[in-house]
Amino acid sequence: MLPITYDLHIHSCLSPCGDSDMTPGNIVGMALIKQLDVIALTDHNSCKNCPAFLKIAKDYGITAIPGMELCTAEEVHVVCLFPELEDAMGFDEYVYSQLVPFPNEEVIFGKQEIIDESDEVTGKEPNLLINATNISFDQVYELTKKYNGIMIPAHIDKSSNSLLSNLGFIPPDSKFSCVEFKDLTKLHELKKTNPYLEKCKIISSSDAHYLEHINEPVNYLYAKSKDVKDILEALQCL
């Protein structure tokens, strides 16, 4: 098994809270500088910058995973990762149909820029992407599976927009097998009160909205290869 450095929760300038410097090209460039092996782009409720992200990453020889940070009806954030761009864009289309429509106000929330493979702005998303969708948390596992993807409850240790903060518990019929922590020092404490975590793969990604916040190469996954499908498989196995 190969040790693989990673950051699987990164926002681009498509997310209204993402810095304007968070273009796909700049994200890939920073990942290269930091010597990360694999990165994922996970904008709020959208995969529309993933085509450029994957193309640029391929040109520079870094493994890139198309993804999204889904906001459920309960406002729980879930990282969703996919093996192929086609899967991610199909998921994107469905999620957009379930997004509560509300016009984005750039002055209040920030720009939502769509970027091409030349790292140029080609458009803007008109509806606010940080709104909740009509997708409940208990639907996410089967929904991502339908598009060949996996779900990872995001920053489960945070005091807002996390599974534990918003629901207060892990539903006993949950099927996910990987969770994300922001602060791994909280892992032992949360395992004591949430034994479901004992059977989960634990990762720690940055949730970066600024280039400098992308992870340093300090966290490792162990996978058969750097191929996206092998990495997604590794995320689901203890």
C-alpha atoms as a PDB file:
ATOM      1  CA  MET A   1       0.000   0.000   0.000  1.00  0.00           C
ATOM      2  CA  LEU A   2       1.238   3.479  -0.875  1.00  0.00           C
ATOM      3  CA  PRO A   3       1.315   6.330   1.647  1.00  0.00           C
ATOM      4  CA  ILE A   4      -0.554   9.213  -0.003  1.00  0.00           C
ATOM      5  CA  THR A   5      -0.725  12.810   1.212  1.00  0.00           C
ATOM      6  CA  TYR A   6      -4.059  14.461   0.634  1.00  0.00           C
ATOM      7  CA  ASP A   7      -6.514  17.297   1.057  1.00  0.00           C
ATOM      8  CA  LEU A   8     -10.030  16.221   0.119  1.00  0.00           C
ATOM      9  CA  HIS A   9     -12.032  19.315   1.080  1.00  0.00           C
ATOM     10  CA  ILE A  10     -11.088  22.441  -0.875  1.00  0.00           C
ATOM     11  CA  HIS A  11     -13.301  25.285  -2.111  1.00  0.00           C
ATOM     12  CA  SER A  12     -12.765  27.297  -5.262  1.00  0.00           C
ATOM     13  CA  CYS A  13     -13.956  30.790  -6.124  1.00  0.00           C
ATOM     14  CA  LEU A  14     -17.256  29.203  -7.159  1.00  0.00           C
ATOM     15  CA  SER A  15     -18.130  28.997  -3.465  1.00  0.00           C
ATOM     16  CA  PRO A  16     -19.261  32.487  -2.401  1.00  0.00           C
ATOM     17  CA  CYS A  17     -17.083  32.245   0.702  1.00  0.00           C
ATOM     18  CA  GLY A  18     -14.046  31.204  -1.355  1.00  0.00           C
ATOM     19  CA  ASP A  19     -11.299  33.739  -2.016  1.00  0.00           C
ATOM     20  CA  SER A  20     -11.031  35.059  -5.576  1.00  0.00           C
ATOM     21  CA  ASP A  21      -7.513  33.568  -5.777  1.00  0.00           C
ATOM     22  CA  MET A  22      -8.997  30.084  -5.344  1.00  0.00           C
ATOM     23  CA  THR A  23      -9.055  29.301  -9.050  1.00  0.00           C
ATOM     24  CA  PRO A  24      -8.594  25.678 -10.151  1.00  0.00           C
ATOM     25  CA  GLY A  25      -5.126  26.500 -11.497  1.00  0.00           C
ATOM     26  CA  ASN A  26      -4.004  28.193  -8.302  1.00  0.00           C
ATOM     27  CA  ILE A  27      -5.353  25.338  -6.180  1.00  0.00           C
ATOM     28  CA  VAL A  28      -3.432  22.789  -8.232  1.00  0.00           C
ATOM     29  CA  GLY A  29      -0.326  24.975  -8.115  1.00  0.00           C
ATOM     30  CA  MET A  30      -0.462  25.290  -4.336  1.00  0.00           C
ATOM     31  CA  ALA A  31      -0.998  21.554  -3.965  1.00  0.00           C
ATOM     32  CA  LEU A  32       2.126  20.976  -6.048  1.00  0.00           C
ATOM     33  CA  ILE A  33       4.132  23.430  -3.962  1.00  0.00           C
ATOM     34  CA  LYS A  34       2.972  21.663  -0.810  1.00  0.00           C
ATOM     35  CA  GLN A  35       3.744  18.267  -2.393  1.00  0.00           C
ATOM     36  CA  LEU A  36       0.301  16.798  -1.929  1.00  0.00           C
ATOM     37  CA  ASP A  37      -0.421  13.602  -3.853  1.00  0.00           C
ATOM     38  CA  VAL A  38      -4.192  13.934  -4.176  1.00  0.00           C
ATOM     39  CA  ILE A  39      -6.674  16.775  -3.842  1.00  0.00           C
ATOM     40  CA  ALA A  40     -10.438  17.142  -4.217  1.00  0.00           C
ATOM     41  CA  LEU A  41     -12.488  20.150  -5.217  1.00  0.00           C
ATOM     42  CA  THR A  42     -15.635  20.410  -3.069  1.00  0.00           C
ATOM     43  CA  ASP A  43     -17.565  23.611  -3.648  1.00  0.00           C
ATOM     44  CA  HIS A  44     -20.850  24.258  -1.899  1.00  0.00           C
ATOM     45  CA  ASN A  45     -23.656  22.402  -3.715  1.00  0.00           C
ATOM     46  CA  SER A  46     -21.847  22.557  -7.062  1.00  0.00           C
ATOM     47  CA  CYS A  47     -19.303  20.697  -9.213  1.00  0.00           C
ATOM     48  CA  LYS A  48     -19.175  23.290 -11.983  1.00  0.00           C
ATOM     49  CA  ASN A  49     -15.473  24.094 -11.541  1.00  0.00           C
ATOM     50  CA  CYS A  50     -14.494  20.419 -11.539  1.00  0.00           C
ATOM     51  CA  PRO A  51     -14.012  20.122 -15.346  1.00  0.00           C
ATOM     52  CA  ALA A  52     -11.274  22.784 -15.332  1.00  0.00           C
ATOM     53  CA  PHE A  53      -9.839  21.466 -12.072  1.00  0.00           C
ATOM     54  CA  LEU A  54      -9.421  17.934 -13.407  1.00  0.00           C
ATOM     55  CA  LYS A  55      -7.938  19.105 -16.717  1.00  0.00           C
ATOM     56  CA  ILE A  56      -5.356  21.332 -15.041  1.00  0.00           C
ATOM     57  CA  ALA A  57      -4.464  18.680 -12.465  1.00  0.00           C
ATOM     58  CA  LYS A  58      -3.961  16.088 -15.213  1.00  0.00           C
ATOM     59  CA  ASP A  59      -1.642  18.460 -17.083  1.00  0.00           C
ATOM     60  CA  TYR A  60       0.499  18.831 -13.951  1.00  0.00           C
ATOM     61  CA  GLY A  61       0.431  15.182 -12.928  1.00  0.00           C
ATOM     62  CA  ILE A  62      -1.468  15.447  -9.669  1.00  0.00           C
ATOM     63  CA  THR A  63      -4.399  13.202  -8.790  1.00  0.00           C
ATOM     64  CA  ALA A  64      -7.615  15.206  -8.571  1.00  0.00           C
ATOM     65  CA  ILE A  65     -11.038  14.045  -7.420  1.00  0.00           C
ATOM     66  CA  PRO A  66     -14.268  15.769  -8.474  1.00  0.00           C
ATOM     67  CA  GLY A  67     -16.524  16.465  -5.539  1.00  0.00           C
ATOM     68  CA  MET A  68     -18.974  18.697  -3.727  1.00  0.00           C
ATOM     69  CA  GLU A  69     -19.774  19.837  -0.214  1.00  0.00           C
ATOM     70  CA  LEU A  70     -23.489  19.141  -0.089  1.00  0.00           C
ATOM     71  CA  CYS A  71     -25.690  21.070   2.337  1.00  0.00           C
ATOM     72  CA  THR A  72     -28.587  18.849   3.398  1.00  0.00           C
ATOM     73  CA  ALA A  73     -32.080  19.942   4.385  1.00  0.00           C
ATOM     74  CA  GLU A  74     -30.889  19.879   8.018  1.00  0.00           C
ATOM     75  CA  GLU A  75     -27.919  22.106   6.986  1.00  0.00           C
ATOM     76  CA  VAL A  76     -25.471  19.283   7.628  1.00  0.00           C
ATOM     77  CA  HIS A  77     -22.416  19.548   5.375  1.00  0.00           C
ATOM     78  CA  VAL A  78     -21.340  16.363   3.611  1.00  0.00           C
ATOM     79  CA  VAL A  79     -18.307  15.928   1.347  1.00  0.00           C
ATOM     80  CA  CYS A  80     -19.287  13.850  -1.689  1.00  0.00           C
ATOM     81  CA  LEU A  81     -16.523  12.413  -3.909  1.00  0.00           C
ATOM     82  CA  PHE A  82     -16.821  10.727  -7.294  1.00  0.00           C
ATOM     83  CA  PRO A  83     -14.584   8.505  -9.444  1.00  0.00           C
ATOM     84  CA  GLU A  84     -15.386  10.213 -12.753  1.00  0.00           C
ATOM     85  CA  LEU A  85     -16.279  13.717 -13.884  1.00  0.00           C
ATOM     86  CA  GLU A  86     -19.423  12.395 -15.560  1.00  0.00           C
ATOM     87  CA  ASP A  87     -20.644  11.032 -12.222  1.00  0.00           C
ATOM     88  CA  ALA A  88     -19.940  14.330 -10.471  1.00  0.00           C
ATOM     89  CA  MET A  89     -21.734  16.401 -13.098  1.00  0.00           C
ATOM     90  CA  GLY A  90     -24.782  14.135 -12.992  1.00  0.00           C
ATOM     91  CA  PHE A  91     -24.862  14.576  -9.226  1.00  0.00           C
ATOM     92  CA  ASP A  92     -24.406  18.328  -9.705  1.00  0.00           C
ATOM     93  CA  GLU A  93     -27.446  18.507 -11.969  1.00  0.00           C
ATOM     94  CA  TYR A  94     -29.636  16.673  -9.480  1.00  0.00           C
ATOM     95  CA  VAL A  95     -28.452  18.683  -6.465  1.00  0.00           C
ATOM     96  CA  TYR A  96     -29.032  21.965  -8.312  1.00  0.00           C
ATOM     97  CA  SER A  97     -32.636  20.899  -8.929  1.00  0.00           C
ATOM     98  CA  GLN A  98     -33.001  20.431  -5.166  1.00  0.00           C
ATOM     99  CA  LEU A  99     -31.316  23.691  -4.146  1.00  0.00           C
ATOM    100  CA  VAL A 100     -33.572  26.263  -2.544  1.00  0.00           C
ATOM    101  CA  PRO A 101     -33.552  29.034  -5.192  1.00  0.00           C
ATOM    102  CA  PHE A 102     -32.363  32.375  -3.881  1.00  0.00           C
ATOM    103  CA  PRO A 103     -30.451  34.962  -5.943  1.00  0.00           C
ATOM    104  CA  ASN A 104     -26.861  35.516  -4.895  1.00  0.00           C
ATOM    105  CA  GLU A 105     -26.027  39.015  -3.704  1.00  0.00           C
ATOM    106  CA  GLU A 106     -22.310  39.388  -4.406  1.00  0.00           C
ATOM    107  CA  VAL A 107     -21.882  42.374  -2.078  1.00  0.00           C
ATOM    108  CA  ILE A 108     -23.233  40.310   0.823  1.00  0.00           C
ATOM    109  CA  PHE A 109     -22.167  36.731   0.092  1.00  0.00           C
ATOM    110  CA  GLY A 110     -19.341  36.986  -2.444  1.00  0.00           C
ATOM    111  CA  LYS A 111     -18.832  36.082  -6.070  1.00  0.00           C
ATOM    112  CA  GLN A 112     -19.583  32.631  -7.475  1.00  0.00           C
ATOM    113  CA  GLU A 113     -17.235  32.370 -10.454  1.00  0.00           C
ATOM    114  CA  ILE A 114     -17.100  29.552 -12.989  1.00  0.00           C
ATOM    115  CA  ILE A 115     -13.568  29.038 -14.331  1.00  0.00           C
ATOM    116  CA  ASP A 116     -12.254  27.353 -17.495  1.00  0.00           C
ATOM    117  CA  GLU A 117      -9.093  25.296 -18.021  1.00  0.00           C
ATOM    118  CA  SER A 118      -7.167  28.506 -18.851  1.00  0.00           C
ATOM    119  CA  ASP A 119      -8.091  29.760 -15.369  1.00  0.00           C
ATOM    120  CA  GLU A 120     -10.306  32.463 -16.850  1.00  0.00           C
ATOM    121  CA  VAL A 121     -13.771  33.433 -15.594  1.00  0.00           C
ATOM    122  CA  THR A 122     -16.421  32.218 -18.038  1.00  0.00           C
ATOM    123  CA  GLY A 123     -19.546  32.873 -16.000  1.00  0.00           C
ATOM    124  CA  LYS A 124     -21.165  33.271 -12.628  1.00  0.00           C
ATOM    125  CA  GLU A 125     -23.639  31.086 -10.777  1.00  0.00           C
ATOM    126  CA  PRO A 126     -26.765  33.231 -10.179  1.00  0.00           C
ATOM    127  CA  ASN A 127     -28.360  31.258  -7.318  1.00  0.00           C
ATOM    128  CA  LEU A 128     -26.786  31.310  -3.870  1.00  0.00           C
ATOM    129  CA  LEU A 129     -24.910  28.041  -3.427  1.00  0.00           C
ATOM    130  CA  ILE A 130     -24.600  28.008   0.364  1.00  0.00           C
ATOM    131  CA  ASN A 131     -28.333  27.482   0.858  1.00  0.00           C
ATOM    132  CA  ALA A 132     -29.728  24.181   2.085  1.00  0.00           C
ATOM    133  CA  THR A 133     -31.035  21.684  -0.440  1.00  0.00           C
ATOM    134  CA  ASN A 134     -34.183  19.606  -0.146  1.00  0.00           C
ATOM    135  CA  ILE A 135     -32.033  16.479   0.287  1.00  0.00           C
ATOM    136  CA  SER A 136     -32.201  15.024   3.794  1.00  0.00           C
ATOM    137  CA  PHE A 137     -29.136  13.549   5.466  1.00  0.00           C
ATOM    138  CA  ASP A 138     -30.599  10.046   5.418  1.00  0.00           C
ATOM    139  CA  GLN A 139     -30.870  10.235   1.617  1.00  0.00           C
ATOM    140  CA  VAL A 140     -27.245  11.105   0.949  1.00  0.00           C
ATOM    141  CA  TYR A 141     -25.677   7.640   1.148  1.00  0.00           C
ATOM    142  CA  GLU A 142     -27.915   6.080  -1.494  1.00  0.00           C
ATOM    143  CA  LEU A 143     -27.886   9.228  -3.613  1.00  0.00           C
ATOM    144  CA  THR A 144     -24.091   9.405  -3.846  1.00  0.00           C
ATOM    145  CA  LYS A 145     -23.962   5.652  -4.424  1.00  0.00           C
ATOM    146  CA  LYS A 146     -26.332   6.092  -7.385  1.00  0.00           C
ATOM    147  CA  TYR A 147     -23.658   8.289  -8.959  1.00  0.00           C
ATOM    148  CA  ASN A 148     -20.852   5.842  -7.977  1.00  0.00           C
ATOM    149  CA  GLY A 149     -19.645   8.202  -5.264  1.00  0.00           C
ATOM    150  CA  ILE A 150     -19.060   8.165  -1.530  1.00  0.00           C
ATOM    151  CA  MET A 151     -20.240  10.433   1.276  1.00  0.00           C
ATOM    152  CA  ILE A 152     -18.088  11.777   4.102  1.00  0.00           C
ATOM    153  CA  PRO A 153     -19.780  13.814   6.864  1.00  0.00           C
ATOM    154  CA  ALA A 154     -17.761  17.020   6.915  1.00  0.00           C
ATOM    155  CA  HIS A 155     -15.890  18.541   9.879  1.00  0.00           C
ATOM    156  CA  ILE A 156     -17.900  16.388  12.271  1.00  0.00           C
ATOM    157  CA  ASP A 157     -16.227  18.043  15.267  1.00  0.00           C
ATOM    158  CA  LYS A 158     -17.311  21.598  14.362  1.00  0.00           C
ATOM    159  CA  SER A 159     -19.980  23.473  16.293  1.00  0.00           C
ATOM    160  CA  SER A 160     -21.958  24.381  13.169  1.00  0.00           C
ATOM    161  CA  ASN A 161     -23.069  22.688   9.940  1.00  0.00           C
ATOM    162  CA  SER A 162     -21.848  19.302  11.107  1.00  0.00           C
ATOM    163  CA  LEU A 163     -23.687  16.045  11.702  1.00  0.00           C
ATOM    164  CA  LEU A 164     -23.198  16.174  15.474  1.00  0.00           C
ATOM    165  CA  SER A 165     -23.900  19.886  15.882  1.00  0.00           C
ATOM    166  CA  ASN A 166     -27.046  19.915  13.764  1.00  0.00           C
ATOM    167  CA  LEU A 167     -28.584  16.509  14.480  1.00  0.00           C
ATOM    168  CA  GLY A 168     -26.976  15.973  17.869  1.00  0.00           C
ATOM    169  CA  PHE A 169     -26.189  12.312  17.202  1.00  0.00           C
ATOM    170  CA  ILE A 170     -25.204   9.828  14.501  1.00  0.00           C
ATOM    171  CA  PRO A 171     -28.328   8.068  13.211  1.00  0.00           C
ATOM    172  CA  PRO A 172     -27.937   4.371  14.135  1.00  0.00           C
ATOM    173  CA  ASP A 173     -28.995   3.249  10.651  1.00  0.00           C
ATOM    174  CA  SER A 174     -26.251   5.287   8.972  1.00  0.00           C
ATOM    175  CA  LYS A 175     -24.172   3.549   6.294  1.00  0.00           C
ATOM    176  CA  PHE A 176     -21.239   5.927   5.786  1.00  0.00           C
ATOM    177  CA  SER A 177     -17.808   4.543   6.618  1.00  0.00           C
ATOM    178  CA  CYS A 178     -15.588   7.631   6.589  1.00  0.00           C
ATOM    179  CA  VAL A 179     -15.787  10.916   8.500  1.00  0.00           C
ATOM    180  CA  GLU A 180     -13.809  14.137   8.384  1.00  0.00           C
ATOM    181  CA  PHE A 181     -12.343  15.901  11.423  1.00  0.00           C
ATOM    182  CA  LYS A 182     -10.907  19.390  11.517  1.00  0.00           C
ATOM    183  CA  ASP A 183      -9.145  18.790  14.827  1.00  0.00           C
ATOM    184  CA  LEU A 184      -7.965  15.233  15.382  1.00  0.00           C
ATOM    185  CA  THR A 185      -7.310  15.908  19.070  1.00  0.00           C
ATOM    186  CA  LYS A 186     -11.103  15.680  19.528  1.00  0.00           C
ATOM    187  CA  LEU A 187     -11.265  12.181  18.054  1.00  0.00           C
ATOM    188  CA  HIS A 188     -10.853  10.184  21.278  1.00  0.00           C
ATOM    189  CA  GLU A 189     -13.487  12.216  23.127  1.00  0.00           C
ATOM    190  CA  LEU A 190     -16.053  11.953  20.340  1.00  0.00           C
ATOM    191  CA  LYS A 191     -15.481   8.227  19.926  1.00  0.00           C
ATOM    192  CA  LYS A 192     -16.438   7.729  23.564  1.00  0.00           C
ATOM    193  CA  THR A 193     -19.817   9.403  23.050  1.00  0.00           C
ATOM    194  CA  ASN A 194     -20.344   8.206  19.471  1.00  0.00           C
ATOM    195  CA  PRO A 195     -19.237   4.549  19.191  1.00  0.00           C
ATOM    196  CA  TYR A 196     -20.309   4.497  15.514  1.00  0.00           C
ATOM    197  CA  LEU A 197     -17.010   6.316  14.814  1.00  0.00           C
ATOM    198  CA  GLU A 198     -15.047   3.244  15.891  1.00  0.00           C
ATOM    199  CA  LYS A 199     -15.910   1.569  12.588  1.00  0.00           C
ATOM    200  CA  CYS A 200     -15.129   4.616  10.423  1.00  0.00           C
ATOM    201  CA  LYS A 201     -12.091   5.679   8.471  1.00  0.00           C
ATOM    202  CA  ILE A 202     -11.003   9.050   9.879  1.00  0.00           C
ATOM    203  CA  ILE A 203      -9.553  11.777   7.671  1.00  0.00           C
ATOM    204  CA  SER A 204      -8.588  15.397   8.264  1.00  0.00           C
ATOM    205  CA  SER A 205      -8.889  17.876   5.410  1.00  0.00           C
ATOM    206  CA  SER A 206      -8.580  21.643   5.341  1.00  0.00           C
ATOM    207  CA  ASP A 207     -11.972  22.967   4.187  1.00  0.00           C
ATOM    208  CA  ALA A 208      -9.732  25.601   2.601  1.00  0.00           C
ATOM    209  CA  HIS A 209     -11.256  28.827   1.287  1.00  0.00           C
ATOM    210  CA  TYR A 210      -7.829  30.474   0.899  1.00  0.00           C
ATOM    211  CA  LEU A 211      -4.729  29.106  -0.818  1.00  0.00           C
ATOM    212  CA  GLU A 212      -2.574  29.278   2.293  1.00  0.00           C
ATOM    213  CA  HIS A 213      -5.066  27.123   4.209  1.00  0.00           C
ATOM    214  CA  ILE A 214      -4.676  24.084   1.927  1.00  0.00           C
ATOM    215  CA  ASN A 215      -3.215  21.199   3.942  1.00  0.00           C
ATOM    216  CA  GLU A 216       0.482  20.663   4.400  1.00  0.00           C
ATOM    217  CA  PRO A 217       1.573  17.097   3.547  1.00  0.00           C
ATOM    218  CA  VAL A 218       1.113  15.797   7.091  1.00  0.00           C
ATOM    219  CA  ASN A 219      -1.907  13.499   6.742  1.00  0.00           C
ATOM    220  CA  TYR A 220      -1.729  10.150   4.977  1.00  0.00           C
ATOM    221  CA  LEU A 221      -4.020   7.669   3.308  1.00  0.00           C
ATOM    222  CA  TYR A 222      -2.825   4.210   2.354  1.00  0.00           C
ATOM    223  CA  ALA A 223      -4.078   2.970  -1.003  1.00  0.00           C
ATOM    224  CA  LYS A 224      -3.137   0.507  -3.729  1.00  0.00           C
ATOM    225  CA  SER A 225      -2.249   3.396  -6.034  1.00  0.00           C
ATOM    226  CA  LYS A 226      -2.891   7.073  -6.646  1.00  0.00           C
ATOM    227  CA  ASP A 227      -5.741   6.192  -8.987  1.00  0.00           C
ATOM    228  CA  VAL A 228      -8.980   7.886  -7.940  1.00  0.00           C
ATOM    229  CA  LYS A 229     -10.911   4.625  -7.692  1.00  0.00           C
ATOM    230  CA  ASP A 230      -8.250   3.103  -5.437  1.00  0.00           C
ATOM    231  CA  ILE A 231      -8.296   6.180  -3.221  1.00  0.00           C
ATOM    232  CA  LEU A 232     -12.089   6.111  -2.892  1.00  0.00           C
ATOM    233  CA  GLU A 233     -11.888   2.408  -2.053  1.00  0.00           C
ATOM    234  CA  ALA A 234      -9.264   3.126   0.608  1.00  0.00           C
ATOM    235  CA  LEU A 235     -11.507   5.765   2.173  1.00  0.00           C
ATOM    236  CA  GLN A 236     -14.155   3.120   2.800  1.00  0.00           C
ATOM    237  CA  CYS A 237     -11.899   0.418   4.289  1.00  0.00           C
ATOM    238  CA  LEU A 238     -10.392   0.286   7.771  1.00  0.00           C
END
